[in-house]
Amino acid sequence: MFSGSYKYSLDDKNRLIIPVKFREILSAEGVDKLYVVKGDSHLFAFPLPIFLELSERLKSWDFTKESNQNYVRLFFSDAFDVAPDKQGRIILPKELCEKVGIDSEVVVIGVLNRMEIWSPEKWTDFREKATLRGFSANLEI
C-alpha cells in the first residue's frame, strides 16, 4: 500500500525518482512498469496490475452511452507506460506535465494502490481547501 508524501525535483530529461519506499513495494510485488495518466489537476501513476484491473472495469461499461465513450477516450489517450530505470527513475511525459501544470518540482503522494504526482502549488492549494470532515460528509461507503 502506498502512503506518504515526498518532494522531488525533475531533472532536465523530465525524470522523476520514485520514492524508495514505493520502489520497495513495486519490487516486492514484481512490478516493473507503471502507467502515468492525466488526472484533473495531477498525474496518476498506476502499477501495471492495477492499471490492468482498471482497464477491465472500464471494458464492462456500457459503450452505447456517449459519456462513457468520451471518458474512456480521454483516459486512455492520456495514459503512457513507463518503466523505472536502474536508479528508480521514470520519465514523465512532457505533454502530461504541461496539462496539469507540473514544471521542475513535484510532490509524490501515495494513495492506497497508486501514486499521484502533483505540482507543489496545486498540492498546497488542495490541502488548504480540503478537510477530512468536509470530505466525509460526501463519502459513498
N, C-alpha and C. Protein backbone atom coordinates (compact mmCIF):
# COMPACT_ATOMS: atom_id res chain seq x y z
N MET A 1 0.84 -1.17 0.00
CA MET A 1 0.00 0.00 0.00
C MET A 1 0.89 1.24 0.00
N PHE A 2 0.58 2.17 -0.89
CA PHE A 2 1.34 3.41 -1.00
C PHE A 2 0.76 4.46 -0.04
N SER A 3 1.63 5.11 0.70
CA SER A 3 1.20 6.19 1.58
C SER A 3 2.38 7.14 1.79
N GLY A 4 2.07 8.34 2.25
CA GLY A 4 3.10 9.34 2.50
C GLY A 4 3.19 10.34 1.37
N SER A 5 3.97 11.40 1.60
CA SER A 5 4.19 12.41 0.56
C SER A 5 5.67 12.79 0.55
N TYR A 6 6.17 13.05 -0.65
CA TYR A 6 7.60 13.27 -0.86
C TYR A 6 7.78 14.38 -1.89
N LYS A 7 8.74 15.28 -1.64
CA LYS A 7 9.05 16.35 -2.60
C LYS A 7 10.28 15.96 -3.40
N TYR A 8 10.19 16.17 -4.70
CA TYR A 8 11.30 15.85 -5.60
C TYR A 8 11.42 16.91 -6.68
N SER A 9 12.59 16.94 -7.30
CA SER A 9 12.83 17.76 -8.48
C SER A 9 12.96 16.85 -9.68
N LEU A 10 12.41 17.28 -10.81
CA LEU A 10 12.62 16.57 -12.06
C LEU A 10 13.95 17.02 -12.64
N ASP A 11 14.65 16.10 -13.29
CA ASP A 11 15.90 16.51 -13.94
C ASP A 11 15.60 17.08 -15.32
N ASP A 12 16.64 17.44 -16.07
CA ASP A 12 16.45 18.07 -17.37
C ASP A 12 15.83 17.15 -18.41
N LYS A 13 15.77 15.86 -18.14
CA LYS A 13 15.11 14.90 -19.05
C LYS A 13 13.71 14.54 -18.57
N ASN A 14 13.21 15.30 -17.59
CA ASN A 14 11.88 15.08 -17.02
C ASN A 14 11.77 13.76 -16.26
N ARG A 15 12.89 13.33 -15.68
CA ARG A 15 12.88 12.08 -14.91
C ARG A 15 12.55 12.37 -13.45
N LEU A 16 11.74 11.50 -12.90
CA LEU A 16 11.34 11.57 -11.50
C LEU A 16 11.87 10.35 -10.77
N ILE A 17 12.48 10.58 -9.63
CA ILE A 17 12.91 9.46 -8.79
C ILE A 17 11.70 8.96 -8.01
N ILE A 18 11.37 7.69 -8.17
CA ILE A 18 10.29 7.10 -7.39
C ILE A 18 10.79 6.97 -5.95
N PRO A 19 9.99 7.40 -4.97
CA PRO A 19 10.43 7.27 -3.58
C PRO A 19 10.86 5.83 -3.25
N VAL A 20 11.92 5.71 -2.46
CA VAL A 20 12.48 4.39 -2.11
C VAL A 20 11.39 3.47 -1.55
N LYS A 21 10.58 3.98 -0.66
CA LYS A 21 9.50 3.18 -0.06
C LYS A 21 8.59 2.61 -1.15
N PHE A 22 8.28 3.41 -2.15
CA PHE A 22 7.40 2.97 -3.23
C PHE A 22 8.11 1.96 -4.14
N ARG A 23 9.41 2.19 -4.37
CA ARG A 23 10.18 1.22 -5.18
C ARG A 23 10.22 -0.13 -4.49
N GLU A 24 10.35 -0.14 -3.18
CA GLU A 24 10.37 -1.40 -2.43
C GLU A 24 9.04 -2.14 -2.58
N ILE A 25 7.94 -1.42 -2.55
CA ILE A 25 6.62 -2.03 -2.74
C ILE A 25 6.51 -2.61 -4.14
N LEU A 26 6.90 -1.84 -5.15
CA LEU A 26 6.84 -2.31 -6.54
C LEU A 26 7.71 -3.55 -6.72
N SER A 27 8.91 -3.53 -6.17
CA SER A 27 9.83 -4.66 -6.29
C SER A 27 9.26 -5.90 -5.62
N ALA A 28 8.71 -5.75 -4.42
CA ALA A 28 8.15 -6.89 -3.69
C ALA A 28 6.98 -7.52 -4.44
N GLU A 29 6.27 -6.70 -5.22
CA GLU A 29 5.13 -7.20 -5.99
C GLU A 29 5.52 -7.59 -7.41
N GLY A 30 6.80 -7.48 -7.74
CA GLY A 30 7.27 -7.86 -9.07
C GLY A 30 6.80 -6.94 -10.18
N VAL A 31 6.54 -5.69 -9.85
CA VAL A 31 6.03 -4.73 -10.83
C VAL A 31 7.21 -3.98 -11.45
N ASP A 32 7.29 -4.01 -12.79
CA ASP A 32 8.38 -3.31 -13.47
C ASP A 32 7.88 -2.28 -14.48
N LYS A 33 6.59 -1.98 -14.42
CA LYS A 33 6.03 -0.98 -15.33
C LYS A 33 4.90 -0.24 -14.63
N LEU A 34 4.83 1.05 -14.91
CA LEU A 34 3.76 1.90 -14.40
C LEU A 34 3.04 2.54 -15.58
N TYR A 35 1.82 2.96 -15.35
CA TYR A 35 1.10 3.77 -16.32
C TYR A 35 0.87 5.14 -15.70
N VAL A 36 1.37 6.16 -16.37
CA VAL A 36 1.17 7.54 -15.94
C VAL A 36 -0.02 8.07 -16.73
N VAL A 37 -1.01 8.58 -15.99
CA VAL A 37 -2.28 9.01 -16.59
C VAL A 37 -2.62 10.40 -16.06
N LYS A 38 -3.14 11.24 -16.93
CA LYS A 38 -3.55 12.58 -16.53
C LYS A 38 -4.82 12.52 -15.69
N GLY A 39 -4.78 13.18 -14.53
CA GLY A 39 -5.97 13.40 -13.72
C GLY A 39 -6.46 14.82 -13.97
N ASP A 40 -7.37 15.29 -13.13
CA ASP A 40 -7.88 16.65 -13.31
C ASP A 40 -6.80 17.71 -13.06
N SER A 41 -6.04 17.54 -11.99
CA SER A 41 -5.04 18.56 -11.65
C SER A 41 -3.70 17.95 -11.26
N HIS A 42 -3.53 16.69 -11.55
CA HIS A 42 -2.31 15.97 -11.18
C HIS A 42 -2.16 14.77 -12.11
N LEU A 43 -1.10 14.00 -11.90
CA LEU A 43 -0.90 12.77 -12.66
C LEU A 43 -1.08 11.58 -11.73
N PHE A 44 -1.68 10.53 -12.25
CA PHE A 44 -1.74 9.25 -11.56
C PHE A 44 -0.57 8.41 -12.05
N ALA A 45 -0.02 7.57 -11.19
CA ALA A 45 0.96 6.56 -11.60
C ALA A 45 0.47 5.23 -11.04
N PHE A 46 -0.09 4.43 -11.95
CA PHE A 46 -0.66 3.14 -11.57
C PHE A 46 0.35 2.02 -11.83
N PRO A 47 0.60 1.14 -10.86
CA PRO A 47 1.36 -0.07 -11.16
C PRO A 47 0.61 -0.86 -12.24
N LEU A 48 1.33 -1.54 -13.11
CA LEU A 48 0.71 -2.25 -14.22
C LEU A 48 -0.47 -3.12 -13.80
N PRO A 49 -0.38 -3.96 -12.76
CA PRO A 49 -1.53 -4.80 -12.40
C PRO A 49 -2.78 -3.98 -12.04
N ILE A 50 -2.60 -2.85 -11.39
CA ILE A 50 -3.74 -2.00 -11.02
C ILE A 50 -4.32 -1.37 -12.28
N PHE A 51 -3.46 -0.93 -13.19
CA PHE A 51 -3.94 -0.35 -14.45
C PHE A 51 -4.73 -1.37 -15.25
N LEU A 52 -4.26 -2.62 -15.27
CA LEU A 52 -4.99 -3.67 -15.99
C LEU A 52 -6.34 -3.95 -15.35
N GLU A 53 -6.40 -3.95 -14.02
CA GLU A 53 -7.69 -4.12 -13.32
C GLU A 53 -8.65 -3.00 -13.69
N LEU A 54 -8.15 -1.79 -13.66
CA LEU A 54 -8.97 -0.63 -14.01
C LEU A 54 -9.45 -0.74 -15.46
N SER A 55 -8.58 -1.15 -16.34
CA SER A 55 -8.93 -1.31 -17.76
C SER A 55 -10.06 -2.32 -17.92
N GLU A 56 -9.98 -3.42 -17.18
CA GLU A 56 -11.03 -4.45 -17.25
C GLU A 56 -12.37 -3.88 -16.78
N ARG A 57 -12.35 -3.09 -15.72
CA ARG A 57 -13.60 -2.48 -15.24
C ARG A 57 -14.16 -1.53 -16.29
N LEU A 58 -13.29 -0.76 -16.94
CA LEU A 58 -13.76 0.17 -17.95
C LEU A 58 -14.32 -0.56 -19.17
N LYS A 59 -13.78 -1.74 -19.46
CA LYS A 59 -14.32 -2.54 -20.58
C LYS A 59 -15.76 -2.95 -20.34
N SER A 60 -16.15 -3.06 -19.08
CA SER A 60 -17.50 -3.52 -18.76
C SER A 60 -18.53 -2.39 -18.83
N TRP A 61 -18.10 -1.17 -19.03
CA TRP A 61 -19.02 -0.05 -19.11
C TRP A 61 -19.90 -0.16 -20.35
N ASP A 62 -21.06 0.42 -20.28
CA ASP A 62 -21.99 0.46 -21.41
C ASP A 62 -21.50 1.50 -22.42
N PHE A 63 -20.99 1.02 -23.55
CA PHE A 63 -20.42 1.95 -24.53
C PHE A 63 -21.44 2.50 -25.51
N THR A 64 -22.71 2.25 -25.25
CA THR A 64 -23.72 2.96 -26.03
C THR A 64 -23.95 4.35 -25.46
N LYS A 65 -23.41 4.58 -24.27
CA LYS A 65 -23.52 5.90 -23.64
C LYS A 65 -22.34 6.76 -24.07
N GLU A 66 -22.64 7.89 -24.63
CA GLU A 66 -21.59 8.78 -25.13
C GLU A 66 -20.66 9.25 -24.02
N SER A 67 -21.19 9.51 -22.84
CA SER A 67 -20.34 9.98 -21.73
C SER A 67 -19.31 8.92 -21.35
N ASN A 68 -19.68 7.65 -21.40
CA ASN A 68 -18.73 6.57 -21.11
C ASN A 68 -17.65 6.51 -22.19
N GLN A 69 -18.07 6.61 -23.44
CA GLN A 69 -17.11 6.59 -24.54
C GLN A 69 -16.11 7.73 -24.40
N ASN A 70 -16.62 8.92 -24.11
CA ASN A 70 -15.75 10.09 -24.01
C ASN A 70 -14.77 9.97 -22.85
N TYR A 71 -15.23 9.46 -21.71
CA TYR A 71 -14.34 9.29 -20.56
C TYR A 71 -13.20 8.34 -20.91
N VAL A 72 -13.55 7.21 -21.49
CA VAL A 72 -12.53 6.19 -21.81
C VAL A 72 -11.56 6.73 -22.87
N ARG A 73 -12.06 7.45 -23.84
CA ARG A 73 -11.17 8.05 -24.86
C ARG A 73 -10.15 8.97 -24.20
N LEU A 74 -10.65 9.87 -23.37
CA LEU A 74 -9.75 10.82 -22.73
C LEU A 74 -8.78 10.13 -21.79
N PHE A 75 -9.26 9.17 -21.02
CA PHE A 75 -8.42 8.46 -20.06
C PHE A 75 -7.26 7.77 -20.77
N PHE A 76 -7.57 6.98 -21.79
CA PHE A 76 -6.52 6.20 -22.45
C PHE A 76 -5.65 7.03 -23.39
N SER A 77 -6.17 8.12 -23.92
CA SER A 77 -5.33 8.96 -24.78
C SER A 77 -4.27 9.70 -23.97
N ASP A 78 -4.51 9.83 -22.67
CA ASP A 78 -3.55 10.48 -21.78
C ASP A 78 -2.88 9.47 -20.84
N ALA A 79 -2.73 8.23 -21.29
CA ALA A 79 -2.08 7.17 -20.49
C ALA A 79 -0.80 6.73 -21.20
N PHE A 80 0.31 6.73 -20.47
CA PHE A 80 1.61 6.36 -21.03
C PHE A 80 2.28 5.33 -20.13
N ASP A 81 2.81 4.27 -20.74
CA ASP A 81 3.54 3.28 -19.93
C ASP A 81 4.98 3.73 -19.77
N VAL A 82 5.48 3.57 -18.56
CA VAL A 82 6.86 3.94 -18.23
C VAL A 82 7.47 2.83 -17.40
N ALA A 83 8.76 2.62 -17.60
CA ALA A 83 9.48 1.61 -16.82
C ALA A 83 10.59 2.31 -16.05
N PRO A 84 10.68 2.05 -14.75
CA PRO A 84 11.78 2.65 -13.98
C PRO A 84 13.14 2.17 -14.49
N ASP A 85 14.11 3.09 -14.51
CA ASP A 85 15.47 2.69 -14.86
C ASP A 85 16.16 2.10 -13.63
N LYS A 86 17.44 1.79 -13.75
CA LYS A 86 18.16 1.14 -12.65
C LYS A 86 18.28 2.04 -11.41
N GLN A 87 18.13 3.35 -11.60
CA GLN A 87 18.18 4.27 -10.46
C GLN A 87 16.80 4.55 -9.88
N GLY A 88 15.78 3.86 -10.42
CA GLY A 88 14.42 4.04 -9.91
C GLY A 88 13.74 5.30 -10.41
N ARG A 89 14.14 5.76 -11.60
CA ARG A 89 13.55 6.97 -12.18
C ARG A 89 12.60 6.60 -13.31
N ILE A 90 11.55 7.40 -13.44
CA ILE A 90 10.66 7.27 -14.59
C ILE A 90 10.63 8.61 -15.31
N ILE A 91 10.39 8.55 -16.61
CA ILE A 91 10.26 9.77 -17.40
C ILE A 91 8.79 10.15 -17.43
N LEU A 92 8.51 11.37 -16.98
CA LEU A 92 7.15 11.88 -17.04
C LEU A 92 6.94 12.55 -18.40
N PRO A 93 5.93 12.11 -19.16
CA PRO A 93 5.69 12.72 -20.47
C PRO A 93 5.46 14.23 -20.33
N LYS A 94 6.24 15.00 -21.09
CA LYS A 94 6.16 16.46 -21.00
C LYS A 94 4.75 16.97 -21.28
N GLU A 95 4.07 16.34 -22.25
CA GLU A 95 2.73 16.83 -22.59
C GLU A 95 1.76 16.68 -21.43
N LEU A 96 1.90 15.60 -20.64
CA LEU A 96 1.04 15.43 -19.47
C LEU A 96 1.40 16.44 -18.39
N CYS A 97 2.69 16.66 -18.19
CA CYS A 97 3.13 17.63 -17.19
C CYS A 97 2.59 19.02 -17.51
N GLU A 98 2.65 19.39 -18.78
CA GLU A 98 2.15 20.70 -19.19
C GLU A 98 0.66 20.82 -18.92
N LYS A 99 -0.10 19.75 -19.17
CA LYS A 99 -1.55 19.79 -18.99
C LYS A 99 -1.97 19.99 -17.54
N VAL A 100 -1.14 19.54 -16.59
CA VAL A 100 -1.50 19.65 -15.17
C VAL A 100 -0.63 20.66 -14.42
N GLY A 101 0.20 21.40 -15.14
CA GLY A 101 0.98 22.46 -14.52
C GLY A 101 2.20 22.00 -13.73
N ILE A 102 2.75 20.85 -14.09
CA ILE A 102 3.97 20.38 -13.43
C ILE A 102 5.17 20.93 -14.19
N ASP A 103 6.08 21.55 -13.44
CA ASP A 103 7.29 22.11 -14.04
C ASP A 103 8.49 21.29 -13.58
N SER A 104 9.29 21.81 -12.70
CA SER A 104 10.51 21.09 -12.29
C SER A 104 10.42 20.51 -10.89
N GLU A 105 9.46 20.94 -10.10
CA GLU A 105 9.28 20.45 -8.73
C GLU A 105 7.97 19.68 -8.65
N VAL A 106 7.96 18.60 -7.89
CA VAL A 106 6.74 17.80 -7.73
C VAL A 106 6.60 17.32 -6.29
N VAL A 107 5.37 16.96 -5.96
CA VAL A 107 5.06 16.25 -4.73
C VAL A 107 4.49 14.91 -5.16
N VAL A 108 5.08 13.84 -4.67
CA VAL A 108 4.60 12.48 -4.97
C VAL A 108 3.91 11.98 -3.71
N ILE A 109 2.64 11.58 -3.86
CA ILE A 109 1.92 11.07 -2.71
C ILE A 109 1.48 9.63 -2.98
N GLY A 110 1.39 8.86 -1.92
CA GLY A 110 0.89 7.50 -2.02
C GLY A 110 -0.58 7.48 -1.64
N VAL A 111 -1.39 6.84 -2.48
CA VAL A 111 -2.83 6.75 -2.24
C VAL A 111 -3.26 5.30 -2.45
N LEU A 112 -3.15 4.50 -1.40
CA LEU A 112 -3.55 3.10 -1.43
C LEU A 112 -2.80 2.31 -2.49
N ASN A 113 -3.41 2.13 -3.68
CA ASN A 113 -2.83 1.27 -4.71
C ASN A 113 -2.17 2.04 -5.85
N ARG A 114 -1.99 3.34 -5.67
CA ARG A 114 -1.41 4.16 -6.73
C ARG A 114 -0.60 5.30 -6.13
N MET A 115 0.13 5.96 -7.00
CA MET A 115 0.85 7.18 -6.66
C MET A 115 0.18 8.33 -7.39
N GLU A 116 0.28 9.51 -6.83
CA GLU A 116 -0.17 10.72 -7.51
C GLU A 116 1.00 11.70 -7.52
N ILE A 117 1.11 12.43 -8.62
CA ILE A 117 2.21 13.38 -8.81
C ILE A 117 1.58 14.75 -9.04
N TRP A 118 1.89 15.67 -8.15
CA TRP A 118 1.28 17.00 -8.14
C TRP A 118 2.36 18.08 -8.28
N SER A 119 1.96 19.22 -8.82
CA SER A 119 2.82 20.40 -8.68
C SER A 119 2.69 20.83 -7.22
N PRO A 120 3.77 21.33 -6.62
CA PRO A 120 3.69 21.74 -5.22
C PRO A 120 2.58 22.78 -4.96
N GLU A 121 2.39 23.69 -5.90
CA GLU A 121 1.38 24.73 -5.74
C GLU A 121 -0.03 24.14 -5.71
N LYS A 122 -0.31 23.24 -6.63
CA LYS A 122 -1.65 22.64 -6.67
C LYS A 122 -1.89 21.73 -5.47
N TRP A 123 -0.84 21.02 -5.02
CA TRP A 123 -0.97 20.17 -3.84
C TRP A 123 -1.25 21.02 -2.60
N THR A 124 -0.52 22.12 -2.45
CA THR A 124 -0.73 23.02 -1.31
C THR A 124 -2.14 23.60 -1.35
N ASP A 125 -2.58 24.02 -2.53
CA ASP A 125 -3.92 24.57 -2.69
C ASP A 125 -4.98 23.52 -2.31
N PHE A 126 -4.80 22.31 -2.79
CA PHE A 126 -5.74 21.23 -2.45
C PHE A 126 -5.77 21.01 -0.95
N ARG A 127 -4.60 20.94 -0.33
CA ARG A 127 -4.51 20.68 1.12
C ARG A 127 -5.16 21.80 1.93
N GLU A 128 -4.99 23.03 1.48
CA GLU A 128 -5.58 24.16 2.21
C GLU A 128 -7.10 24.14 2.14
N LYS A 129 -7.65 23.70 1.01
CA LYS A 129 -9.10 23.69 0.83
C LYS A 129 -9.75 22.42 1.37
N ALA A 130 -8.98 21.37 1.48
CA ALA A 130 -9.53 20.06 1.84
C ALA A 130 -9.48 19.84 3.34
N THR A 131 -10.53 19.23 3.83
CA THR A 131 -10.54 18.76 5.21
C THR A 131 -11.17 17.39 5.24
N LEU A 132 -10.72 16.54 6.12
CA LEU A 132 -11.32 15.22 6.23
C LEU A 132 -12.79 15.33 6.59
N ARG A 133 -13.12 16.27 7.45
CA ARG A 133 -14.51 16.45 7.87
C ARG A 133 -15.39 16.84 6.67
N GLY A 134 -14.89 17.74 5.85
CA GLY A 134 -15.65 18.17 4.68
C GLY A 134 -15.87 17.04 3.69
N PHE A 135 -14.85 16.22 3.49
CA PHE A 135 -14.99 15.10 2.56
C PHE A 135 -15.89 14.01 3.11
N SER A 136 -15.82 13.78 4.42
CA SER A 136 -16.56 12.66 5.00
C SER A 136 -18.06 12.82 4.82
N ALA A 137 -18.55 14.04 4.70
CA ALA A 137 -19.98 14.26 4.51
C ALA A 137 -20.47 13.72 3.17
N ASN A 138 -19.58 13.60 2.20
CA ASN A 138 -19.97 13.17 0.86
C ASN A 138 -19.48 11.78 0.49
N LEU A 139 -18.94 11.05 1.44
CA LEU A 139 -18.44 9.71 1.14
C LEU A 139 -19.57 8.76 0.79
N GLU A 140 -19.28 7.88 -0.15
CA GLU A 140 -20.24 6.84 -0.54
C GLU A 140 -19.68 5.50 -0.15
N ILE A 141 -19.83 5.16 1.12
CA ILE A 141 -19.28 3.91 1.63
C ILE A 141 -20.41 2.92 1.87
